[in-house]
PDB file of all heavy atoms in Angstrom:
ATOM      1  N   GLY A   1       0.740  -1.241   0.085  1.00  0.00           N
ATOM      2  CA  GLY A   1       0.006   0.088   0.028  1.00  0.00           C
ATOM      3  C   GLY A   1       0.836   1.255   0.011  1.00  0.00           C
ATOM      4  O   GLY A   1       0.190   2.445   0.128  1.00  0.00           O
ATOM      5  N   ILE A   2       2.169   1.187  -0.141  1.00  0.00           N
ATOM      6  CA  ILE A   2       2.967   2.405  -0.145  1.00  0.00           C
ATOM      7  C   ILE A   2       2.746   3.340  -1.209  1.00  0.00           C
ATOM      8  O   ILE A   2       2.853   4.491  -1.120  1.00  0.00           O
ATOM      9  CB  ILE A   2       4.432   2.084   0.077  1.00  0.00           C
ATOM     10  CG1 ILE A   2       5.200   3.284   0.599  1.00  0.00           C
ATOM     11  CG2 ILE A   2       5.119   1.464  -1.209  1.00  0.00           C
ATOM     12  CD1 ILE A   2       6.572   2.952   0.942  1.00  0.00           C
ATOM     13  N   TYR A   3       2.470   2.666  -2.486  1.00  0.00           N
ATOM     14  CA  TYR A   3       2.164   3.545  -3.589  1.00  0.00           C
ATOM     15  C   TYR A   3       0.728   3.778  -3.946  1.00  0.00           C
ATOM     16  O   TYR A   3       0.380   4.527  -4.795  1.00  0.00           O
ATOM     17  CB  TYR A   3       2.883   2.915  -4.864  1.00  0.00           C
ATOM     18  CG  TYR A   3       4.255   2.674  -4.627  1.00  0.00           C
ATOM     19  CD1 TYR A   3       4.970   1.514  -4.484  1.00  0.00           C
ATOM     20  CD2 TYR A   3       5.172   3.769  -4.485  1.00  0.00           C
ATOM     21  CE1 TYR A   3       6.243   1.294  -4.230  1.00  0.00           C
ATOM     22  CE2 TYR A   3       6.597   3.569  -4.246  1.00  0.00           C
ATOM     23  CZ  TYR A   3       7.140   2.321  -4.133  1.00  0.00           C
ATOM     24  OH  TYR A   3       8.435   2.209  -3.910  1.00  0.00           O
ATOM     25  N   TRP A   4      -0.116   3.036  -3.284  1.00  0.00           N
ATOM     26  CA  TRP A   4      -1.590   3.192  -3.553  1.00  0.00           C
ATOM     27  C   TRP A   4      -2.181   4.419  -2.976  1.00  0.00           C
ATOM     28  O   TRP A   4      -1.855   4.846  -1.813  1.00  0.00           O
ATOM     29  CB  TRP A   4      -2.263   1.999  -3.003  1.00  0.00           C
ATOM     30  CG  TRP A   4      -3.782   2.000  -3.490  1.00  0.00           C
ATOM     31  CD1 TRP A   4      -4.352   1.587  -4.471  1.00  0.00           C
ATOM     32  CD2 TRP A   4      -4.896   2.499  -2.594  1.00  0.00           C
ATOM     33  NE1 TRP A   4      -5.753   1.738  -4.457  1.00  0.00           N
ATOM     34  CE2 TRP A   4      -6.040   2.425  -3.322  1.00  0.00           C
ATOM     35  CE3 TRP A   4      -4.774   3.123  -1.290  1.00  0.00           C
ATOM     36  CZ2 TRP A   4      -7.235   2.843  -2.778  1.00  0.00           C
ATOM     37  CZ3 TRP A   4      -6.153   3.555  -0.802  1.00  0.00           C
ATOM     38  CH2 TRP A   4      -7.255   3.431  -1.527  1.00  0.00           C
ATOM     39  N   GLY A   5      -3.130   4.967  -3.661  1.00  0.00           N
ATOM     40  CA  GLY A   5      -3.963   6.117  -3.188  1.00  0.00           C
ATOM     41  C   GLY A   5      -3.451   7.476  -3.390  1.00  0.00           C
ATOM     42  O   GLY A   5      -4.163   8.438  -3.551  1.00  0.00           O
ATOM     43  N   SER A   6      -2.101   7.656  -3.267  1.00  0.00           N
ATOM     44  CA  SER A   6      -1.547   9.055  -3.408  1.00  0.00           C
ATOM     45  C   SER A   6      -1.884   9.561  -4.727  1.00  0.00           C
ATOM     46  O   SER A   6      -2.395  10.817  -4.768  1.00  0.00           O
ATOM     47  CB  SER A   6      -0.063   8.958  -3.217  1.00  0.00           C
ATOM     48  OG  SER A   6       0.291   8.481  -1.943  1.00  0.00           O
ATOM     49  N   GLY A   7      -1.656   8.962  -5.790  1.00  0.00           N
ATOM     50  CA  GLY A   7      -2.091   9.589  -7.194  1.00  0.00           C
ATOM     51  C   GLY A   7      -3.506   9.893  -7.276  1.00  0.00           C
ATOM     52  O   GLY A   7      -3.901  10.881  -7.842  1.00  0.00           O
ATOM     53  N   ILE A   8      -4.385   8.965  -6.754  1.00  0.00           N
ATOM     54  CA  ILE A   8      -5.878   9.167  -6.757  1.00  0.00           C
ATOM     55  C   ILE A   8      -6.236  10.418  -6.003  1.00  0.00           C
ATOM     56  O   ILE A   8      -7.077  11.228  -6.438  1.00  0.00           O
ATOM     57  CB  ILE A   8      -6.592   8.008  -6.377  1.00  0.00           C
ATOM     58  CG1 ILE A   8      -6.390   6.700  -7.248  1.00  0.00           C
ATOM     59  CG2 ILE A   8      -8.068   8.274  -6.300  1.00  0.00           C
ATOM     60  CD1 ILE A   8      -6.913   5.457  -6.742  1.00  0.00           C
ATOM     61  N   LEU A   9      -5.600  10.503  -4.771  1.00  0.00           N
ATOM     62  CA  LEU A   9      -6.035  11.613  -3.978  1.00  0.00           C
ATOM     63  C   LEU A   9      -5.590  13.026  -4.514  1.00  0.00           C
ATOM     64  O   LEU A   9      -6.147  14.000  -4.677  1.00  0.00           O
ATOM     65  CB  LEU A   9      -5.464  11.452  -2.575  1.00  0.00           C
ATOM     66  CG  LEU A   9      -6.112  10.451  -1.669  1.00  0.00           C
ATOM     67  CD1 LEU A   9      -5.322  10.254  -0.396  1.00  0.00           C
ATOM     68  CD2 LEU A   9      -7.568  10.819  -1.321  1.00  0.00           C
ATOM     69  N   THR A  10      -4.294  12.963  -5.150  1.00  0.00           N
ATOM     70  CA  THR A  10      -3.783  14.204  -5.777  1.00  0.00           C
ATOM     71  C   THR A  10      -4.529  14.679  -6.928  1.00  0.00           C
ATOM     72  O   THR A  10      -4.867  15.778  -7.058  1.00  0.00           O
ATOM     73  CB  THR A  10      -2.271  13.910  -6.189  1.00  0.00           C
ATOM     74  OG1 THR A  10      -1.456  13.554  -5.086  1.00  0.00           O
ATOM     75  CG2 THR A  10      -1.639  15.173  -6.807  1.00  0.00           C
ATOM     76  N   TYR A  11      -4.990  13.638  -7.768  1.00  0.00           N
ATOM     77  CA  TYR A  11      -5.769  13.917  -8.912  1.00  0.00           C
ATOM     78  C   TYR A  11      -7.082  14.457  -8.520  1.00  0.00           C
ATOM     79  O   TYR A  11      -7.685  15.474  -9.069  1.00  0.00           O
ATOM     80  CB  TYR A  11      -6.094  12.693  -9.832  1.00  0.00           C
ATOM     81  CG  TYR A  11      -6.891  12.932 -10.937  1.00  0.00           C
ATOM     82  CD1 TYR A  11      -6.600  13.524 -12.096  1.00  0.00           C
ATOM     83  CD2 TYR A  11      -8.298  12.459 -10.868  1.00  0.00           C
ATOM     84  CE1 TYR A  11      -7.475  13.710 -13.105  1.00  0.00           C
ATOM     85  CE2 TYR A  11      -9.063  12.655 -11.950  1.00  0.00           C
ATOM     86  CZ  TYR A  11      -8.736  13.297 -13.086  1.00  0.00           C
ATOM     87  OH  TYR A  11      -9.639  13.472 -14.068  1.00  0.00           O
ATOM     88  N   THR A  12      -7.756  13.912  -7.430  1.00  0.00           N
ATOM     89  CA  THR A  12      -9.111  14.349  -6.953  1.00  0.00           C
ATOM     90  C   THR A  12      -8.925  15.722  -6.411  1.00  0.00           C
ATOM     91  O   THR A  12      -9.810  16.649  -6.657  1.00  0.00           O
ATOM     92  CB  THR A  12      -9.580  13.352  -5.859  1.00  0.00           C
ATOM     93  OG1 THR A  12      -9.555  12.028  -6.466  1.00  0.00           O
ATOM     94  CG2 THR A  12     -10.844  13.928  -5.305  1.00  0.00           C
ATOM     95  N   ALA A  13      -7.889  15.931  -5.625  1.00  0.00           N
ATOM     96  CA  ALA A  13      -7.613  17.329  -4.980  1.00  0.00           C
ATOM     97  C   ALA A  13      -7.599  18.372  -6.136  1.00  0.00           C
ATOM     98  O   ALA A  13      -8.159  19.474  -6.060  1.00  0.00           O
ATOM     99  CB  ALA A  13      -6.487  17.381  -4.094  1.00  0.00           C
ATOM    100  N   GLU A  14      -6.748  17.993  -7.111  1.00  0.00           N
ATOM    101  CA  GLU A  14      -6.430  19.078  -8.273  1.00  0.00           C
ATOM    102  C   GLU A  14      -7.897  19.292  -9.063  1.00  0.00           C
ATOM    103  O   GLU A  14      -8.084  20.417  -9.427  1.00  0.00           O
ATOM    104  CB  GLU A  14      -5.486  18.547  -9.197  1.00  0.00           C
ATOM    105  CG  GLU A  14      -4.039  18.485  -8.540  1.00  0.00           C
ATOM    106  CD  GLU A  14      -3.531  19.935  -8.068  1.00  0.00           C
ATOM    107  OE1 GLU A  14      -3.944  20.927  -8.824  1.00  0.00           O
ATOM    108  OE2 GLU A  14      -2.984  19.988  -7.048  1.00  0.00           O
ATOM    109  N   SER A  15      -8.621  18.180  -9.294  1.00  0.00           N
ATOM    110  CA  SER A  15      -9.816  18.308  -9.998  1.00  0.00           C
ATOM    111  C   SER A  15     -10.851  19.170  -9.223  1.00  0.00           C
ATOM    112  O   SER A  15     -11.576  20.092  -9.816  1.00  0.00           O
ATOM    113  CB  SER A  15     -10.536  16.955 -10.321  1.00  0.00           C
ATOM    114  OG  SER A  15      -9.566  16.143 -10.978  1.00  0.00           O
ATOM    115  N   LEU A  16     -10.936  18.977  -7.921  1.00  0.00           N
ATOM    116  CA  LEU A  16     -11.797  19.773  -7.055  1.00  0.00           C
ATOM    117  C   LEU A  16     -11.449  21.224  -7.063  1.00  0.00           C
ATOM    118  O   LEU A  16     -12.293  22.145  -7.136  1.00  0.00           O
ATOM    119  CB  LEU A  16     -11.917  19.171  -5.650  1.00  0.00           C
ATOM    120  CG  LEU A  16     -12.596  17.981  -5.420  1.00  0.00           C
ATOM    121  CD1 LEU A  16     -12.341  17.370  -4.062  1.00  0.00           C
ATOM    122  CD2 LEU A  16     -14.047  18.076  -5.683  1.00  0.00           C
ATOM    123  N   LYS A  17     -10.076  21.526  -6.962  1.00  0.00           N
ATOM    124  CA  LYS A  17      -9.682  22.912  -7.037  1.00  0.00           C
ATOM    125  C   LYS A  17      -9.953  23.551  -8.324  1.00  0.00           C
ATOM    126  O   LYS A  17     -10.451  24.664  -8.470  1.00  0.00           O
ATOM    127  CB  LYS A  17      -8.083  22.986  -6.750  1.00  0.00           C
ATOM    128  CG  LYS A  17      -7.695  22.640  -5.287  1.00  0.00           C
ATOM    129  CD  LYS A  17      -6.184  22.762  -5.144  1.00  0.00           C
ATOM    130  CE  LYS A  17      -5.765  22.421  -3.806  1.00  0.00           C
ATOM    131  NZ  LYS A  17      -4.305  22.382  -3.646  1.00  0.00           N
ATOM    132  N   GLU A  18      -9.791  22.845  -9.459  1.00  0.00           N
ATOM    133  CA  GLU A  18     -10.029  23.276 -10.667  1.00  0.00           C
ATOM    134  C   GLU A  18     -11.528  23.621 -10.902  1.00  0.00           C
ATOM    135  O   GLU A  18     -12.071  24.678 -11.462  1.00  0.00           O
ATOM    136  CB  GLU A  18      -9.600  22.373 -11.871  1.00  0.00           C
ATOM    137  CG  GLU A  18      -9.845  22.846 -13.228  1.00  0.00           C
ATOM    138  CD  GLU A  18      -9.340  21.739 -14.298  1.00  0.00           C
ATOM    139  OE1 GLU A  18      -8.572  20.817 -13.818  1.00  0.00           O
ATOM    140  OE2 GLU A  18      -9.645  22.026 -15.464  1.00  0.00           O
ATOM    141  N   SER A  19     -12.398  22.647 -10.313  1.00  0.00           N
ATOM    142  CA  SER A  19     -13.811  22.897 -10.436  1.00  0.00           C
ATOM    143  C   SER A  19     -14.240  24.112  -9.565  1.00  0.00           C
ATOM    144  O   SER A  19     -15.125  24.890  -9.938  1.00  0.00           O
ATOM    145  CB  SER A  19     -14.582  21.594  -9.994  1.00  0.00           C
ATOM    146  OG  SER A  19     -14.248  20.583 -10.670  1.00  0.00           O
ATOM    147  N   TYR A  20     -13.583  24.298  -8.453  1.00  0.00           N
ATOM    148  CA  TYR A  20     -13.847  25.402  -7.567  1.00  0.00           C
ATOM    149  C   TYR A  20     -13.598  26.699  -8.221  1.00  0.00           C
ATOM    150  O   TYR A  20     -14.399  27.637  -8.212  1.00  0.00           O
ATOM    151  CB  TYR A  20     -13.142  25.291  -6.282  1.00  0.00           C
ATOM    152  CG  TYR A  20     -13.223  26.411  -5.361  1.00  0.00           C
ATOM    153  CD1 TYR A  20     -14.331  26.581  -4.545  1.00  0.00           C
ATOM    154  CD2 TYR A  20     -12.154  27.408  -5.207  1.00  0.00           C
ATOM    155  CE1 TYR A  20     -14.473  27.764  -3.749  1.00  0.00           C
ATOM    156  CE2 TYR A  20     -12.267  28.459  -4.379  1.00  0.00           C
ATOM    157  CZ  TYR A  20     -13.454  28.653  -3.626  1.00  0.00           C
ATOM    158  OH  TYR A  20     -13.539  29.671  -2.750  1.00  0.00           O
ATOM    159  N   PHE A  21     -12.424  26.861  -8.898  1.00  0.00           N
ATOM    160  CA  PHE A  21     -12.101  28.056  -9.476  1.00  0.00           C
ATOM    161  C   PHE A  21     -12.914  28.264 -10.789  1.00  0.00           C
ATOM    162  O   PHE A  21     -13.185  29.534 -11.140  1.00  0.00           O
ATOM    163  CB  PHE A  21     -10.644  28.055  -9.880  1.00  0.00           C
ATOM    164  CG  PHE A  21      -9.651  28.232  -8.683  1.00  0.00           C
ATOM    165  CD1 PHE A  21      -8.821  27.299  -8.260  1.00  0.00           C
ATOM    166  CD2 PHE A  21      -9.773  29.302  -7.897  1.00  0.00           C
ATOM    167  CE1 PHE A  21      -7.986  27.354  -7.262  1.00  0.00           C
ATOM    168  CE2 PHE A  21      -8.911  29.484  -6.756  1.00  0.00           C
ATOM    169  CZ  PHE A  21      -7.999  28.585  -6.466  1.00  0.00           C
ATOM    170  N   SER A  22     -13.290  27.262 -11.469  1.00  0.00           N
ATOM    171  CA  SER A  22     -14.196  27.285 -12.450  1.00  0.00           C
ATOM    172  C   SER A  22     -15.539  27.792 -12.169  1.00  0.00           C
ATOM    173  O   SER A  22     -16.198  28.631 -12.944  1.00  0.00           O
ATOM    174  CB  SER A  22     -14.348  25.980 -13.254  1.00  0.00           C
ATOM    175  OG  SER A  22     -15.274  26.007 -14.288  1.00  0.00           O
ATOM    176  N   THR A  23     -15.998  27.356 -10.949  1.00  0.00           N
ATOM    177  CA  THR A  23     -17.378  27.892 -10.412  1.00  0.00           C
ATOM    178  C   THR A  23     -17.220  29.319 -10.107  1.00  0.00           C
ATOM    179  O   THR A  23     -18.147  30.102 -10.345  1.00  0.00           O
ATOM    180  CB  THR A  23     -17.657  26.984  -9.161  1.00  0.00           C
ATOM    181  OG1 THR A  23     -17.762  25.580  -9.574  1.00  0.00           O
ATOM    182  CG2 THR A  23     -18.971  27.521  -8.584  1.00  0.00           C
ATOM    183  N   LYS A  24     -16.094  29.772  -9.516  1.00  0.00           N
ATOM    184  CA  LYS A  24     -15.990  31.129  -9.261  1.00  0.00           C
ATOM    185  C   LYS A  24     -15.983  31.977 -10.553  1.00  0.00           C
ATOM    186  O   LYS A  24     -16.520  33.051 -10.571  1.00  0.00           O
ATOM    187  CB  LYS A  24     -14.624  31.405  -8.493  1.00  0.00           C
ATOM    188  CG  LYS A  24     -14.652  30.865  -6.952  1.00  0.00           C
ATOM    189  CD  LYS A  24     -13.466  31.337  -6.276  1.00  0.00           C
ATOM    190  CE  LYS A  24     -13.444  32.829  -6.034  1.00  0.00           C
ATOM    191  NZ  LYS A  24     -12.288  33.220  -5.182  1.00  0.00           N
ATOM    192  N   LYS A  25     -15.323  31.486 -11.607  1.00  0.00           N
ATOM    193  CA  LYS A  25     -15.305  32.094 -12.814  1.00  0.00           C
ATOM    194  C   LYS A  25     -16.777  32.292 -13.426  1.00  0.00           C
ATOM    195  O   LYS A  25     -17.089  33.306 -13.945  1.00  0.00           O
ATOM    196  CB  LYS A  25     -14.361  31.408 -13.882  1.00  0.00           C
ATOM    197  CG  LYS A  25     -14.205  32.042 -15.193  1.00  0.00           C
ATOM    198  CD  LYS A  25     -13.377  33.214 -15.184  1.00  0.00           C
ATOM    199  CE  LYS A  25     -13.118  33.707 -16.582  1.00  0.00           C
ATOM    200  NZ  LYS A  25     -12.284  35.033 -16.492  1.00  0.00           N
ATOM    201  N   SER A  26     -17.467  31.144 -13.243  1.00  0.00           N
ATOM    202  CA  SER A  26     -18.813  31.148 -13.762  1.00  0.00           C
ATOM    203  C   SER A  26     -19.727  32.109 -12.971  1.00  0.00           C
ATOM    204  O   SER A  26     -20.579  32.806 -13.491  1.00  0.00           O
ATOM    205  CB  SER A  26     -19.486  29.812 -13.537  1.00  0.00           C
ATOM    206  OG  SER A  26     -18.786  28.831 -14.351  1.00  0.00           O
ATOM    207  N   GLY A  27     -19.366  32.322 -11.629  1.00  0.00           N
ATOM    208  CA  GLY A  27     -20.109  33.388 -10.849  1.00  0.00           C
ATOM    209  C   GLY A  27     -19.825  34.777 -11.329  1.00  0.00           C
ATOM    210  O   GLY A  27     -20.698  35.530 -11.301  1.00  0.00           O
ATOM    211  N   ASP A  28     -18.567  34.988 -11.758  1.00  0.00           N
ATOM    212  CA  ASP A  28     -18.273  36.327 -12.202  1.00  0.00           C
ATOM    213  C   ASP A  28     -18.993  36.697 -13.563  1.00  0.00           C
ATOM    214  O   ASP A  28     -19.590  37.677 -13.756  1.00  0.00           O
ATOM    215  CB  ASP A  28     -16.800  36.427 -12.435  1.00  0.00           C
ATOM    216  CG  ASP A  28     -15.935  36.425 -11.192  1.00  0.00           C
ATOM    217  OD1 ASP A  28     -16.467  36.633 -10.115  1.00  0.00           O
ATOM    218  OD2 ASP A  28     -14.690  35.929 -11.257  1.00  0.00           O
ATOM    219  N   SER A  29     -19.077  35.615 -14.406  1.00  0.00           N
ATOM    220  CA  SER A  29     -19.860  35.759 -15.620  1.00  0.00           C
ATOM    221  C   SER A  29     -21.295  35.925 -15.226  1.00  0.00           C
ATOM    222  O   SER A  29     -21.952  36.682 -15.928  1.00  0.00           O
ATOM    223  CB  SER A  29     -19.733  34.436 -16.425  1.00  0.00           C
ATOM    224  OG  SER A  29     -20.386  34.524 -17.615  1.00  0.00           O
ATOM    225  N   LEU A  30     -21.899  35.149 -14.298  1.00  0.00           N
ATOM    226  CA  LEU A  30     -23.227  35.365 -13.954  1.00  0.00           C
ATOM    227  C   LEU A  30     -23.510  36.715 -13.404  1.00  0.00           C
ATOM    228  O   LEU A  30     -24.744  37.250 -13.708  1.00  0.00           O
ATOM    229  CB  LEU A  30     -23.649  34.195 -12.940  1.00  0.00           C
ATOM    230  CG  LEU A  30     -25.122  34.311 -12.426  1.00  0.00           C
ATOM    231  CD1 LEU A  30     -26.071  33.986 -13.513  1.00  0.00           C
ATOM    232  CD2 LEU A  30     -25.285  33.312 -11.243  1.00  0.00           C
ATOM    233  N   CYS A  31     -22.677  37.249 -12.621  1.00  0.00           N
ATOM    234  CA  CYS A  31     -22.765  38.582 -12.082  1.00  0.00           C
ATOM    235  C   CYS A  31     -22.950  39.611 -13.336  1.00  0.00           C
ATOM    236  O   CYS A  31     -23.737  40.587 -13.239  1.00  0.00           O
ATOM    237  CB  CYS A  31     -21.752  39.009 -11.196  1.00  0.00           C
ATOM    238  SG  CYS A  31     -21.717  38.158  -9.615  1.00  0.00           S
ATOM    239  N   THR A  32     -22.177  39.388 -14.359  1.00  0.00           N
ATOM    240  CA  THR A  32     -22.246  40.254 -15.482  1.00  0.00           C
ATOM    241  C   THR A  32     -23.672  40.205 -16.180  1.00  0.00           C
ATOM    242  O   THR A  32     -24.206  41.234 -16.616  1.00  0.00           O
ATOM    243  CB  THR A  32     -21.098  39.848 -16.477  1.00  0.00           C
ATOM    244  OG1 THR A  32     -19.881  39.919 -15.834  1.00  0.00           O
ATOM    245  CG2 THR A  32     -21.159  40.833 -17.730  1.00  0.00           C
ATOM    246  N   ILE A  33     -24.136  39.026 -16.214  1.00  0.00           N
ATOM    247  CA  ILE A  33     -25.471  38.787 -16.874  1.00  0.00           C
ATOM    248  C   ILE A  33     -26.613  39.404 -15.955  1.00  0.00           C
ATOM    249  O   ILE A  33     -27.437  40.056 -16.439  1.00  0.00           O
ATOM    250  CB  ILE A  33     -25.769  37.293 -16.941  1.00  0.00           C
ATOM    251  CG1 ILE A  33     -24.859  36.635 -17.954  1.00  0.00           C
ATOM    252  CG2 ILE A  33     -27.176  37.064 -17.433  1.00  0.00           C
ATOM    253  CD1 ILE A  33     -24.907  35.090 -18.094  1.00  0.00           C
ATOM    254  N   LEU A  34     -26.436  39.230 -14.551  1.00  0.00           N
ATOM    255  CA  LEU A  34     -27.330  39.840 -13.623  1.00  0.00           C
ATOM    256  C   LEU A  34     -27.380  41.370 -13.726  1.00  0.00           C
ATOM    257  O   LEU A  34     -28.369  42.072 -13.394  1.00  0.00           O
ATOM    258  CB  LEU A  34     -27.156  39.311 -12.302  1.00  0.00           C
ATOM    259  CG  LEU A  34     -27.377  37.728 -12.130  1.00  0.00           C
ATOM    260  CD1 LEU A  34     -27.200  37.421 -10.643  1.00  0.00           C
ATOM    261  CD2 LEU A  34     -28.740  37.349 -12.623  1.00  0.00           C
ATOM    262  N   SER A  35     -26.332  41.933 -14.021  1.00  0.00           N
ATOM    263  CA  SER A  35     -26.113  43.392 -14.191  1.00  0.00           C
ATOM    264  C   SER A  35     -26.965  43.879 -15.319  1.00  0.00           C
ATOM    265  O   SER A  35     -27.375  45.075 -15.412  1.00  0.00           O
ATOM    266  CB  SER A  35     -24.682  43.819 -14.291  1.00  0.00           C
ATOM    267  OG  SER A  35     -24.188  43.459 -15.665  1.00  0.00           O
ATOM    268  N   ARG A  36     -27.421  43.037 -16.250  1.00  0.00           N
ATOM    269  CA  ARG A  36     -28.278  43.307 -17.443  1.00  0.00           C
ATOM    270  C   ARG A  36     -29.503  42.534 -17.229  1.00  0.00           C
ATOM    271  O   ARG A  36     -30.169  42.033 -18.165  1.00  0.00           O
ATOM    272  CB  ARG A  36     -27.581  43.024 -18.712  1.00  0.00           C
ATOM    273  CG  ARG A  36     -26.288  43.560 -18.863  1.00  0.00           C
ATOM    274  CD  ARG A  36     -25.684  43.387 -20.359  1.00  0.00           C
ATOM    275  NE  ARG A  36     -25.707  41.956 -20.678  1.00  0.00           N
ATOM    276  CZ  ARG A  36     -24.495  41.327 -20.605  1.00  0.00           C
ATOM    277  NH1 ARG A  36     -23.440  41.837 -20.164  1.00  0.00           N
ATOM    278  NH2 ARG A  36     -24.508  39.974 -20.984  1.00  0.00           N
TER     279      ARG A  36
END
């Protein structure tokens, strides 16, 4: 088990961070729409 899990957890963490920042970017875009 010394090599198991680390790669999966790293990929999951990076994917979640990317999704989080993508959601924030979508929020900025939504605010622009709501201003109109």
